[in-house]
Amino acid sequence: MPGRVLLFCWALVGWTMLSTGLLAVSPVATPSTAFATADPPAFLTAIEEVPLMSGLTEEKTPALNFDKPDGRLVETYAYGKLAAEDAAAFYRAVLPELGWYIIDGLVFSREGEMLRIDLIPEGHLLVVRFVLSPNSSQ
């Protein structure tokens, strides 16, 4: 009888731990899940194909936004209290999933366009500059 009680107790503990997630096997984090948040991902208003990292706020009006005969030219900014390393890791992980190819550092290319991301620390804020242009002009 004590063996059955002990077995029952272990089964109960195991079930409790499993149901609360303590024993659940979680998948290895991939770039898409490593930066996942509860909210749906936001994208830049000025450049709809580029996600806005959680913690960044986009400037309301882009610094530059017009179409050229050979493509778009857009410059916009976002800012937040983030580490430059975190922002760089986010964009290096997420943009390739959206079809952007890494050219060098934080310079990406996709469908004839080039995206350059500059990370500018200013005091306690990080300013992120996004420049989208035709591939031939950068």
C-alpha atoms as a PDB file:
ATOM      1  CA  MET A   1       0.000   0.000   0.000  1.00  0.00           C
ATOM      2  CA  PRO A   2       2.758   2.579   0.761  1.00  0.00           C
ATOM      3  CA  GLY A   3       4.182   1.961  -2.719  1.00  0.00           C
ATOM      4  CA  ARG A   4       0.850   2.846  -4.322  1.00  0.00           C
ATOM      5  CA  VAL A   5       0.550   6.011  -2.247  1.00  0.00           C
ATOM      6  CA  LEU A   6       4.070   7.031  -3.202  1.00  0.00           C
ATOM      7  CA  LEU A   7       3.389   6.300  -6.886  1.00  0.00           C
ATOM      8  CA  PHE A   8       0.156   8.292  -6.691  1.00  0.00           C
ATOM      9  CA  CYS A   9       1.986  11.223  -5.069  1.00  0.00           C
ATOM     10  CA  TRP A  10       4.697  11.226  -7.764  1.00  0.00           C
ATOM     11  CA  ALA A  11       2.036  11.059 -10.485  1.00  0.00           C
ATOM     12  CA  LEU A  12       0.196  13.972  -8.891  1.00  0.00           C
ATOM     13  CA  VAL A  13       3.398  16.038  -8.592  1.00  0.00           C
ATOM     14  CA  GLY A  14       4.334  15.223 -12.199  1.00  0.00           C
ATOM     15  CA  TRP A  15       0.877  16.151 -13.488  1.00  0.00           C
ATOM     16  CA  THR A  16       0.918  19.404 -11.527  1.00  0.00           C
ATOM     17  CA  MET A  17       4.353  20.334 -12.847  1.00  0.00           C
ATOM     18  CA  LEU A  18       3.410  19.402 -16.392  1.00  0.00           C
ATOM     19  CA  SER A  19       0.169  21.354 -16.312  1.00  0.00           C
ATOM     20  CA  THR A  20       1.904  24.445 -14.938  1.00  0.00           C
ATOM     21  CA  GLY A  21       4.592  24.221 -17.580  1.00  0.00           C
ATOM     22  CA  LEU A  22       7.491  23.309 -15.331  1.00  0.00           C
ATOM     23  CA  LEU A  23       8.136  20.107 -17.240  1.00  0.00           C
ATOM     24  CA  ALA A  24       6.877  21.258 -20.597  1.00  0.00           C
ATOM     25  CA  VAL A  25       9.426  21.124 -23.361  1.00  0.00           C
ATOM     26  CA  SER A  26       9.718  24.479 -25.028  1.00  0.00           C
ATOM     27  CA  PRO A  27      11.085  24.751 -28.556  1.00  0.00           C
ATOM     28  CA  VAL A  28      14.457  26.345 -29.174  1.00  0.00           C
ATOM     29  CA  ALA A  29      14.024  30.051 -29.782  1.00  0.00           C
ATOM     30  CA  THR A  30      14.247  30.995 -33.429  1.00  0.00           C
ATOM     31  CA  PRO A  31      14.716  34.551 -34.673  1.00  0.00           C
ATOM     32  CA  SER A  32      10.976  34.938 -35.121  1.00  0.00           C
ATOM     33  CA  THR A  33      10.203  33.790 -31.568  1.00  0.00           C
ATOM     34  CA  ALA A  34      13.258  35.186 -29.834  1.00  0.00           C
ATOM     35  CA  PHE A  35      11.845  38.696 -30.044  1.00  0.00           C
ATOM     36  CA  ALA A  36       8.162  37.794 -29.936  1.00  0.00           C
ATOM     37  CA  THR A  37       5.797  39.879 -27.869  1.00  0.00           C
ATOM     38  CA  ALA A  38       2.168  39.452 -26.886  1.00  0.00           C
ATOM     39  CA  ASP A  39       1.151  42.260 -29.241  1.00  0.00           C
ATOM     40  CA  PRO A  40       1.104  41.766 -32.997  1.00  0.00           C
ATOM     41  CA  PRO A  41       4.248  43.151 -34.606  1.00  0.00           C
ATOM     42  CA  ALA A  42       4.159  46.792 -35.614  1.00  0.00           C
ATOM     43  CA  PHE A  43       5.692  48.047 -38.836  1.00  0.00           C
ATOM     44  CA  LEU A  44       7.053  51.454 -39.746  1.00  0.00           C
ATOM     45  CA  THR A  45       4.433  53.756 -41.195  1.00  0.00           C
ATOM     46  CA  ALA A  46       6.887  55.285 -43.642  1.00  0.00           C
ATOM     47  CA  ILE A  47       8.375  51.922 -44.751  1.00  0.00           C
ATOM     48  CA  GLU A  48       5.628  49.314 -44.445  1.00  0.00           C
ATOM     49  CA  GLU A  49       7.988  46.381 -45.061  1.00  0.00           C
ATOM     50  CA  VAL A  50      10.173  47.111 -42.020  1.00  0.00           C
ATOM     51  CA  PRO A  51       9.100  46.066 -38.512  1.00  0.00           C
ATOM     52  CA  LEU A  52       9.252  48.503 -35.630  1.00  0.00           C
ATOM     53  CA  MET A  53      11.047  46.872 -32.719  1.00  0.00           C
ATOM     54  CA  SER A  54       9.084  46.798 -29.483  1.00  0.00           C
ATOM     55  CA  GLY A  55      10.284  49.683 -27.326  1.00  0.00           C
ATOM     56  CA  LEU A  56      10.794  52.040 -30.281  1.00  0.00           C
ATOM     57  CA  THR A  57       8.494  54.904 -31.212  1.00  0.00           C
ATOM     58  CA  GLU A  58       8.435  56.095 -34.806  1.00  0.00           C
ATOM     59  CA  GLU A  59       8.570  59.793 -35.628  1.00  0.00           C
ATOM     60  CA  LYS A  60       5.178  60.927 -36.901  1.00  0.00           C
ATOM     61  CA  THR A  61       6.502  62.485 -40.095  1.00  0.00           C
ATOM     62  CA  PRO A  62       9.329  60.953 -42.115  1.00  0.00           C
ATOM     63  CA  ALA A  63      12.319  63.227 -42.676  1.00  0.00           C
ATOM     64  CA  LEU A  64      12.220  62.396 -46.388  1.00  0.00           C
ATOM     65  CA  ASN A  65       9.653  60.500 -48.443  1.00  0.00           C
ATOM     66  CA  PHE A  66       9.250  60.578 -52.202  1.00  0.00           C
ATOM     67  CA  ASP A  67       9.157  58.311 -55.203  1.00  0.00           C
ATOM     68  CA  LYS A  68      11.899  58.577 -57.788  1.00  0.00           C
ATOM     69  CA  PRO A  69      11.681  57.179 -61.301  1.00  0.00           C
ATOM     70  CA  ASP A  70      14.032  54.373 -60.250  1.00  0.00           C
ATOM     71  CA  GLY A  71      12.403  53.724 -56.812  1.00  0.00           C
ATOM     72  CA  ARG A  72      11.453  55.152 -53.437  1.00  0.00           C
ATOM     73  CA  LEU A  73      13.605  57.327 -51.237  1.00  0.00           C
ATOM     74  CA  VAL A  74      12.504  57.338 -47.597  1.00  0.00           C
ATOM     75  CA  GLU A  75      14.274  58.473 -44.448  1.00  0.00           C
ATOM     76  CA  THR A  76      12.534  58.078 -41.110  1.00  0.00           C
ATOM     77  CA  TYR A  77      13.505  57.868 -37.456  1.00  0.00           C
ATOM     78  CA  ALA A  78      12.437  55.945 -34.367  1.00  0.00           C
ATOM     79  CA  TYR A  79      13.652  56.275 -30.810  1.00  0.00           C
ATOM     80  CA  GLY A  80      13.470  54.448 -27.495  1.00  0.00           C
ATOM     81  CA  LYS A  81      15.316  53.435 -24.358  1.00  0.00           C
ATOM     82  CA  LEU A  82      17.047  50.409 -25.857  1.00  0.00           C
ATOM     83  CA  ALA A  83      20.593  49.158 -26.176  1.00  0.00           C
ATOM     84  CA  ALA A  84      22.077  49.518 -29.650  1.00  0.00           C
ATOM     85  CA  GLU A  85      23.213  45.876 -29.502  1.00  0.00           C
ATOM     86  CA  ASP A  86      19.636  44.696 -28.900  1.00  0.00           C
ATOM     87  CA  ALA A  87      18.285  46.725 -31.813  1.00  0.00           C
ATOM     88  CA  ALA A  88      21.054  45.473 -34.103  1.00  0.00           C
ATOM     89  CA  ALA A  89      20.393  41.853 -33.096  1.00  0.00           C
ATOM     90  CA  PHE A  90      16.654  42.310 -33.641  1.00  0.00           C
ATOM     91  CA  TYR A  91      16.986  43.692 -37.165  1.00  0.00           C
ATOM     92  CA  ARG A  92      19.681  41.168 -38.161  1.00  0.00           C
ATOM     93  CA  ALA A  93      17.401  38.337 -37.029  1.00  0.00           C
ATOM     94  CA  VAL A  94      14.028  39.576 -38.266  1.00  0.00           C
ATOM     95  CA  LEU A  95      14.694  41.309 -41.596  1.00  0.00           C
ATOM     96  CA  PRO A  96      16.062  38.204 -43.376  1.00  0.00           C
ATOM     97  CA  GLU A  97      12.818  36.426 -42.445  1.00  0.00           C
ATOM     98  CA  LEU A  98      10.986  39.160 -44.365  1.00  0.00           C
ATOM     99  CA  GLY A  99      13.072  38.692 -47.490  1.00  0.00           C
ATOM    100  CA  TRP A 100      15.811  41.253 -46.804  1.00  0.00           C
ATOM    101  CA  TYR A 101      19.362  40.088 -47.528  1.00  0.00           C
ATOM    102  CA  ILE A 102      22.158  41.279 -45.271  1.00  0.00           C
ATOM    103  CA  ILE A 103      24.739  43.166 -47.336  1.00  0.00           C
ATOM    104  CA  ASP A 104      26.969  44.355 -44.509  1.00  0.00           C
ATOM    105  CA  GLY A 105      26.281  45.142 -40.849  1.00  0.00           C
ATOM    106  CA  LEU A 106      22.885  46.843 -40.851  1.00  0.00           C
ATOM    107  CA  VAL A 107      22.601  47.321 -44.615  1.00  0.00           C
ATOM    108  CA  PHE A 108      19.998  45.159 -46.332  1.00  0.00           C
ATOM    109  CA  SER A 109      18.752  44.632 -49.875  1.00  0.00           C
ATOM    110  CA  ARG A 110      15.427  43.408 -51.244  1.00  0.00           C
ATOM    111  CA  GLU A 111      13.642  43.673 -54.588  1.00  0.00           C
ATOM    112  CA  GLY A 112      15.876  46.412 -55.980  1.00  0.00           C
ATOM    113  CA  GLU A 113      15.853  48.495 -52.805  1.00  0.00           C
ATOM    114  CA  MET A 114      18.483  49.038 -50.137  1.00  0.00           C
ATOM    115  CA  LEU A 115      17.742  49.631 -46.462  1.00  0.00           C
ATOM    116  CA  ARG A 116      20.366  51.151 -44.198  1.00  0.00           C
ATOM    117  CA  ILE A 117      19.798  51.281 -40.436  1.00  0.00           C
ATOM    118  CA  ASP A 118      21.926  53.607 -38.318  1.00  0.00           C
ATOM    119  CA  LEU A 119      21.917  53.322 -34.510  1.00  0.00           C
ATOM    120  CA  ILE A 120      22.668  56.640 -32.826  1.00  0.00           C
ATOM    121  CA  PRO A 121      22.944  56.766 -29.021  1.00  0.00           C
ATOM    122  CA  GLU A 122      21.803  60.134 -27.643  1.00  0.00           C
ATOM    123  CA  GLY A 123      21.941  60.258 -23.860  1.00  0.00           C
ATOM    124  CA  HIS A 124      19.547  57.648 -22.488  1.00  0.00           C
ATOM    125  CA  LEU A 125      17.791  57.251 -25.839  1.00  0.00           C
ATOM    126  CA  LEU A 126      18.681  55.274 -28.915  1.00  0.00           C
ATOM    127  CA  VAL A 127      17.786  56.976 -32.183  1.00  0.00           C
ATOM    128  CA  VAL A 128      17.333  54.584 -35.086  1.00  0.00           C
ATOM    129  CA  ARG A 129      17.605  56.048 -38.582  1.00  0.00           C
ATOM    130  CA  PHE A 130      16.065  54.058 -41.455  1.00  0.00           C
ATOM    131  CA  VAL A 131      17.010  55.013 -45.021  1.00  0.00           C
ATOM    132  CA  LEU A 132      15.360  53.192 -47.929  1.00  0.00           C
ATOM    133  CA  SER A 133      16.596  53.915 -51.419  1.00  0.00           C
ATOM    134  CA  PRO A 134      16.953  52.282 -54.814  1.00  0.00           C
ATOM    135  CA  ASN A 135      19.823  49.777 -54.846  1.00  0.00           C
ATOM    136  CA  SER A 136      21.831  51.875 -57.281  1.00  0.00           C
ATOM    137  CA  SER A 137      21.922  55.078 -55.201  1.00  0.00           C
ATOM    138  CA  GLN A 138      23.653  53.848 -52.012  1.00  0.00           C
END
